[in-house]
Amino acid sequence: MATVTSDIDIEAPISSVYNQWTQFEDFPAFMNGVDHVDQRTDGLLHWQVSIGGVEREFDARITEQQPDERIAWQSTNGPEQSGVVTFHRLDDDRTRVRLQLEWSPEGFVETIGSALQLDDAQIARDLGEFKRLIESNEFETGAWRGTIERAPDATGR
């Protein structure tokens, strides 16, 4: 499994940043390689991506969603991946977004890209585009403030 962690500080209130991130179908506007995201239910997303000339489709289930705090997900088919994006209030008008992603590269191109840390660079660019989008708009384009509770782990917590 490859692991990518990146964060960025955004000049916007935490609720605006979180609200924009919940607009999953808008991800192609700032995520390079994401062709289409279809939100099928509150907790299920269908992704179409093209990365390094490889096209893939997969579903991802949101495993936890806490407004203004975190969104976690895990793929349910296709390429194996999971991750979490967290939102940290720096002050009334600044928010830090941290994205952590674990994924299993498939094939030569993805394996080499991961080894050269091209995935790290792409995630950082995507977060930069997200920052540019929300700071230039000065408002979020929508919001979903529902909660999805994390399933208890083996200890019952």
C-alpha atoms as a PDB file:
ATOM      1  CA  MET A   1       0.000   0.000   0.000  1.00  0.00           C
ATOM      2  CA  ALA A   2       1.204   3.502  -0.845  1.00  0.00           C
ATOM      3  CA  THR A   3       0.464   6.292   1.612  1.00  0.00           C
ATOM      4  CA  VAL A   4       0.087   9.960   0.741  1.00  0.00           C
ATOM      5  CA  THR A   5      -0.409  12.775   3.269  1.00  0.00           C
ATOM      6  CA  SER A   6      -0.741  16.418   2.331  1.00  0.00           C
ATOM      7  CA  ASP A   7      -2.173  19.517   3.928  1.00  0.00           C
ATOM      8  CA  ILE A   8      -2.920  23.072   2.923  1.00  0.00           C
ATOM      9  CA  ASP A   9      -4.054  26.212   4.717  1.00  0.00           C
ATOM     10  CA  ILE A  10      -7.053  27.966   3.179  1.00  0.00           C
ATOM     11  CA  GLU A  11      -8.191  31.540   3.779  1.00  0.00           C
ATOM     12  CA  ALA A  12     -11.834  30.667   4.506  1.00  0.00           C
ATOM     13  CA  PRO A  13     -13.919  29.655   7.539  1.00  0.00           C
ATOM     14  CA  ILE A  14     -13.983  25.963   8.399  1.00  0.00           C
ATOM     15  CA  SER A  15     -17.701  25.570   7.617  1.00  0.00           C
ATOM     16  CA  SER A  16     -17.254  27.001   4.102  1.00  0.00           C
ATOM     17  CA  VAL A  17     -14.255  24.766   3.397  1.00  0.00           C
ATOM     18  CA  TYR A  18     -16.038  21.666   4.721  1.00  0.00           C
ATOM     19  CA  ASN A  19     -19.250  22.501   2.852  1.00  0.00           C
ATOM     20  CA  GLN A  20     -17.385  22.820  -0.455  1.00  0.00           C
ATOM     21  CA  TRP A  21     -15.554  19.525   0.105  1.00  0.00           C
ATOM     22  CA  THR A  22     -18.912  17.736   0.497  1.00  0.00           C
ATOM     23  CA  GLN A  23     -19.774  18.683  -3.088  1.00  0.00           C
ATOM     24  CA  PHE A  24     -18.245  15.434  -4.348  1.00  0.00           C
ATOM     25  CA  GLU A  25     -19.678  15.759  -7.848  1.00  0.00           C
ATOM     26  CA  ASP A  26     -17.646  18.992  -8.230  1.00  0.00           C
ATOM     27  CA  PHE A  27     -14.318  17.184  -7.608  1.00  0.00           C
ATOM     28  CA  PRO A  28     -13.403  17.130 -11.339  1.00  0.00           C
ATOM     29  CA  ALA A  29     -13.145  20.955 -11.124  1.00  0.00           C
ATOM     30  CA  PHE A  30     -10.021  20.678  -8.960  1.00  0.00           C
ATOM     31  CA  MET A  31      -8.839  17.058  -9.025  1.00  0.00           C
ATOM     32  CA  ASN A  32      -6.681  16.204 -12.011  1.00  0.00           C
ATOM     33  CA  GLY A  33      -7.520  12.769 -13.366  1.00  0.00           C
ATOM     34  CA  VAL A  34     -11.012  12.656 -11.864  1.00  0.00           C
ATOM     35  CA  ASP A  35     -13.399  12.564 -14.817  1.00  0.00           C
ATOM     36  CA  HIS A  36     -16.699  12.113 -13.007  1.00  0.00           C
ATOM     37  CA  VAL A  37     -18.092  11.486  -9.517  1.00  0.00           C
ATOM     38  CA  ASP A  38     -21.675  10.356  -9.071  1.00  0.00           C
ATOM     39  CA  GLN A  39     -23.087  10.535  -5.542  1.00  0.00           C
ATOM     40  CA  ARG A  40     -25.507   7.629  -5.565  1.00  0.00           C
ATOM     41  CA  THR A  41     -26.553   7.887  -1.898  1.00  0.00           C
ATOM     42  CA  ASP A  42     -25.415   9.984   1.074  1.00  0.00           C
ATOM     43  CA  GLY A  43     -22.690   7.425   1.712  1.00  0.00           C
ATOM     44  CA  LEU A  44     -21.890   5.924  -1.706  1.00  0.00           C
ATOM     45  CA  LEU A  45     -19.882   7.530  -4.522  1.00  0.00           C
ATOM     46  CA  HIS A  46     -19.102   6.165  -7.987  1.00  0.00           C
ATOM     47  CA  TRP A  47     -15.804   7.416  -9.442  1.00  0.00           C
ATOM     48  CA  GLN A  48     -14.462   7.508 -13.005  1.00  0.00           C
ATOM     49  CA  VAL A  49     -10.777   8.404 -13.176  1.00  0.00           C
ATOM     50  CA  SER A  50      -8.030   8.587 -15.816  1.00  0.00           C
ATOM     51  CA  ILE A  51      -4.522   8.624 -14.415  1.00  0.00           C
ATOM     52  CA  GLY A  52      -1.374   8.057 -16.456  1.00  0.00           C
ATOM     53  CA  GLY A  53      -3.436   6.873 -19.422  1.00  0.00           C
ATOM     54  CA  VAL A  54      -5.222   4.252 -17.306  1.00  0.00           C
ATOM     55  CA  GLU A  55      -8.990   4.553 -16.943  1.00  0.00           C
ATOM     56  CA  ARG A  56     -10.701   3.082 -13.879  1.00  0.00           C
ATOM     57  CA  GLU A  57     -14.118   3.062 -12.276  1.00  0.00           C
ATOM     58  CA  PHE A  58     -14.845   2.197  -8.667  1.00  0.00           C
ATOM     59  CA  ASP A  59     -17.259   2.770  -5.828  1.00  0.00           C
ATOM     60  CA  ALA A  60     -16.297   4.258  -2.481  1.00  0.00           C
ATOM     61  CA  ARG A  61     -18.290   4.141   0.736  1.00  0.00           C
ATOM     62  CA  ILE A  62     -18.093   7.014   3.192  1.00  0.00           C
ATOM     63  CA  THR A  63     -17.268   5.270   6.461  1.00  0.00           C
ATOM     64  CA  GLU A  64     -17.443   8.353   8.668  1.00  0.00           C
ATOM     65  CA  GLN A  65     -18.569  11.920   8.209  1.00  0.00           C
ATOM     66  CA  GLN A  66     -18.575  14.523  10.978  1.00  0.00           C
ATOM     67  CA  PRO A  67     -19.411  18.092   9.857  1.00  0.00           C
ATOM     68  CA  ASP A  68     -16.483  20.515  10.061  1.00  0.00           C
ATOM     69  CA  GLU A  69     -14.202  17.691  11.302  1.00  0.00           C
ATOM     70  CA  ARG A  70     -13.640  14.706   9.003  1.00  0.00           C
ATOM     71  CA  ILE A  71     -14.752  12.559   6.101  1.00  0.00           C
ATOM     72  CA  ALA A  72     -13.360   9.025   5.778  1.00  0.00           C
ATOM     73  CA  TRP A  73     -13.912   6.582   2.924  1.00  0.00           C
ATOM     74  CA  GLN A  74     -12.988   3.162   1.599  1.00  0.00           C
ATOM     75  CA  SER A  75     -13.313   1.675  -1.861  1.00  0.00           C
ATOM     76  CA  THR A  76     -15.772  -1.189  -2.165  1.00  0.00           C
ATOM     77  CA  ASN A  77     -14.596  -2.477  -5.550  1.00  0.00           C
ATOM     78  CA  GLY A  78     -11.961  -1.706  -8.155  1.00  0.00           C
ATOM     79  CA  PRO A  79      -8.652  -0.205  -7.016  1.00  0.00           C
ATOM     80  CA  GLU A  80      -8.083  -0.673  -3.288  1.00  0.00           C
ATOM     81  CA  GLN A  81      -7.939   2.638  -1.446  1.00  0.00           C
ATOM     82  CA  SER A  82      -9.047   4.352   1.723  1.00  0.00           C
ATOM     83  CA  GLY A  83      -8.513   7.739   3.218  1.00  0.00           C
ATOM     84  CA  VAL A  84      -9.587  10.588   5.433  1.00  0.00           C
ATOM     85  CA  VAL A  85      -9.766  14.327   5.001  1.00  0.00           C
ATOM     86  CA  THR A  86      -9.747  16.393   8.188  1.00  0.00           C
ATOM     87  CA  PHE A  87     -10.575  20.041   8.729  1.00  0.00           C
ATOM     88  CA  HIS A  88      -8.742  22.098  11.357  1.00  0.00           C
ATOM     89  CA  ARG A  89      -9.849  25.587  12.435  1.00  0.00           C
ATOM     90  CA  LEU A  90      -6.791  27.853  12.581  1.00  0.00           C
ATOM     91  CA  ASP A  91      -8.853  30.964  13.326  1.00  0.00           C
ATOM     92  CA  ASP A  92     -12.216  32.393  12.244  1.00  0.00           C
ATOM     93  CA  ASP A  93     -11.101  32.821   8.639  1.00  0.00           C
ATOM     94  CA  ARG A  94      -8.421  30.145   8.124  1.00  0.00           C
ATOM     95  CA  THR A  95      -8.707  26.385   7.860  1.00  0.00           C
ATOM     96  CA  ARG A  96      -6.145  23.634   7.438  1.00  0.00           C
ATOM     97  CA  VAL A  97      -7.200  20.697   5.277  1.00  0.00           C
ATOM     98  CA  ARG A  98      -5.237  17.463   5.702  1.00  0.00           C
ATOM     99  CA  LEU A  99      -5.716  14.603   3.240  1.00  0.00           C
ATOM    100  CA  GLN A 100      -4.415  11.114   3.981  1.00  0.00           C
ATOM    101  CA  LEU A 101      -4.785   8.434   1.317  1.00  0.00           C
ATOM    102  CA  GLU A 102      -3.720   4.797   1.212  1.00  0.00           C
ATOM    103  CA  TRP A 103      -3.907   3.005  -2.108  1.00  0.00           C
ATOM    104  CA  SER A 104      -2.582  -0.047  -3.873  1.00  0.00           C
ATOM    105  CA  PRO A 105      -0.835   0.824  -7.121  1.00  0.00           C
ATOM    106  CA  GLU A 106      -1.775  -1.534  -9.956  1.00  0.00           C
ATOM    107  CA  GLY A 107       0.491  -2.104 -12.934  1.00  0.00           C
ATOM    108  CA  PHE A 108       3.812  -0.658 -13.976  1.00  0.00           C
ATOM    109  CA  VAL A 109       2.790   2.998 -14.452  1.00  0.00           C
ATOM    110  CA  GLU A 110       1.105   3.318 -11.038  1.00  0.00           C
ATOM    111  CA  THR A 111       3.899   1.453  -9.246  1.00  0.00           C
ATOM    112  CA  ILE A 112       6.591   3.689 -10.782  1.00  0.00           C
ATOM    113  CA  GLY A 113       4.490   6.815 -10.148  1.00  0.00           C
ATOM    114  CA  SER A 114       4.134   5.889  -6.503  1.00  0.00           C
ATOM    115  CA  ALA A 115       7.830   5.066  -6.158  1.00  0.00           C
ATOM    116  CA  LEU A 116       8.726   8.474  -7.621  1.00  0.00           C
ATOM    117  CA  GLN A 117       6.166  10.093  -5.293  1.00  0.00           C
ATOM    118  CA  LEU A 118       4.218  11.504  -8.212  1.00  0.00           C
ATOM    119  CA  ASP A 119       1.058  10.673  -6.261  1.00  0.00           C
ATOM    120  CA  ASP A 120       2.226  12.992  -3.439  1.00  0.00           C
ATOM    121  CA  ALA A 121       2.835  15.802  -5.930  1.00  0.00           C
ATOM    122  CA  GLN A 122      -0.569  15.303  -7.580  1.00  0.00           C
ATOM    123  CA  ILE A 123      -2.437  15.372  -4.259  1.00  0.00           C
ATOM    124  CA  ALA A 124      -0.619  18.582  -3.296  1.00  0.00           C
ATOM    125  CA  ARG A 125      -1.557  20.141  -6.677  1.00  0.00           C
ATOM    126  CA  ASP A 126      -5.192  19.067  -6.257  1.00  0.00           C
ATOM    127  CA  LEU A 127      -5.356  20.627  -2.786  1.00  0.00           C
ATOM    128  CA  GLY A 128      -3.830  23.790  -4.248  1.00  0.00           C
ATOM    129  CA  GLU A 129      -6.578  23.871  -6.881  1.00  0.00           C
ATOM    130  CA  PHE A 130      -9.220  23.338  -4.180  1.00  0.00           C
ATOM    131  CA  LYS A 131      -7.730  26.290  -2.257  1.00  0.00           C
ATOM    132  CA  ARG A 132      -7.765  28.453  -5.391  1.00  0.00           C
ATOM    133  CA  LEU A 133     -11.381  27.479  -6.124  1.00  0.00           C
ATOM    134  CA  ILE A 134     -12.791  28.297  -2.697  1.00  0.00           C
ATOM    135  CA  GLU A 135     -10.688  31.412  -2.129  1.00  0.00           C
ATOM    136  CA  SER A 136     -11.567  32.850  -5.553  1.00  0.00           C
ATOM    137  CA  ASN A 137     -15.292  32.078  -5.168  1.00  0.00           C
ATOM    138  CA  GLU A 138     -15.335  33.431  -1.590  1.00  0.00           C
ATOM    139  CA  PHE A 139     -18.272  31.103  -0.885  1.00  0.00           C
ATOM    140  CA  GLU A 140     -19.132  27.423  -1.100  1.00  0.00           C
ATOM    141  CA  THR A 141     -21.307  26.139  -3.952  1.00  0.00           C
ATOM    142  CA  GLY A 142     -23.351  23.840  -1.704  1.00  0.00           C
ATOM    143  CA  ALA A 143     -23.269  21.781   1.454  1.00  0.00           C
ATOM    144  CA  TRP A 144     -24.219  18.430   2.890  1.00  0.00           C
ATOM    145  CA  ARG A 145     -24.003  18.559   6.674  1.00  0.00           C
ATOM    146  CA  GLY A 146     -25.261  15.077   7.453  1.00  0.00           C
ATOM    147  CA  THR A 147     -23.416  12.730   9.769  1.00  0.00           C
ATOM    148  CA  ILE A 148     -22.282   9.193   9.068  1.00  0.00           C
ATOM    149  CA  GLU A 149     -21.184   7.417  12.232  1.00  0.00           C
ATOM    150  CA  ARG A 150     -18.114   5.189  12.136  1.00  0.00           C
ATOM    151  CA  ALA A 151     -18.888   1.517  12.679  1.00  0.00           C
ATOM    152  CA  PRO A 152     -17.634   0.132  16.009  1.00  0.00           C
ATOM    153  CA  ASP A 153     -14.261  -1.557  15.819  1.00  0.00           C
ATOM    154  CA  ALA A 154     -13.421  -4.948  17.314  1.00  0.00           C
ATOM    155  CA  THR A 155     -13.372  -3.447  20.810  1.00  0.00           C
ATOM    156  CA  GLY A 156     -16.916  -2.077  20.408  1.00  0.00           C
ATOM    157  CA  ARG A 157     -15.805   1.578  20.345  1.00  0.00           C
END
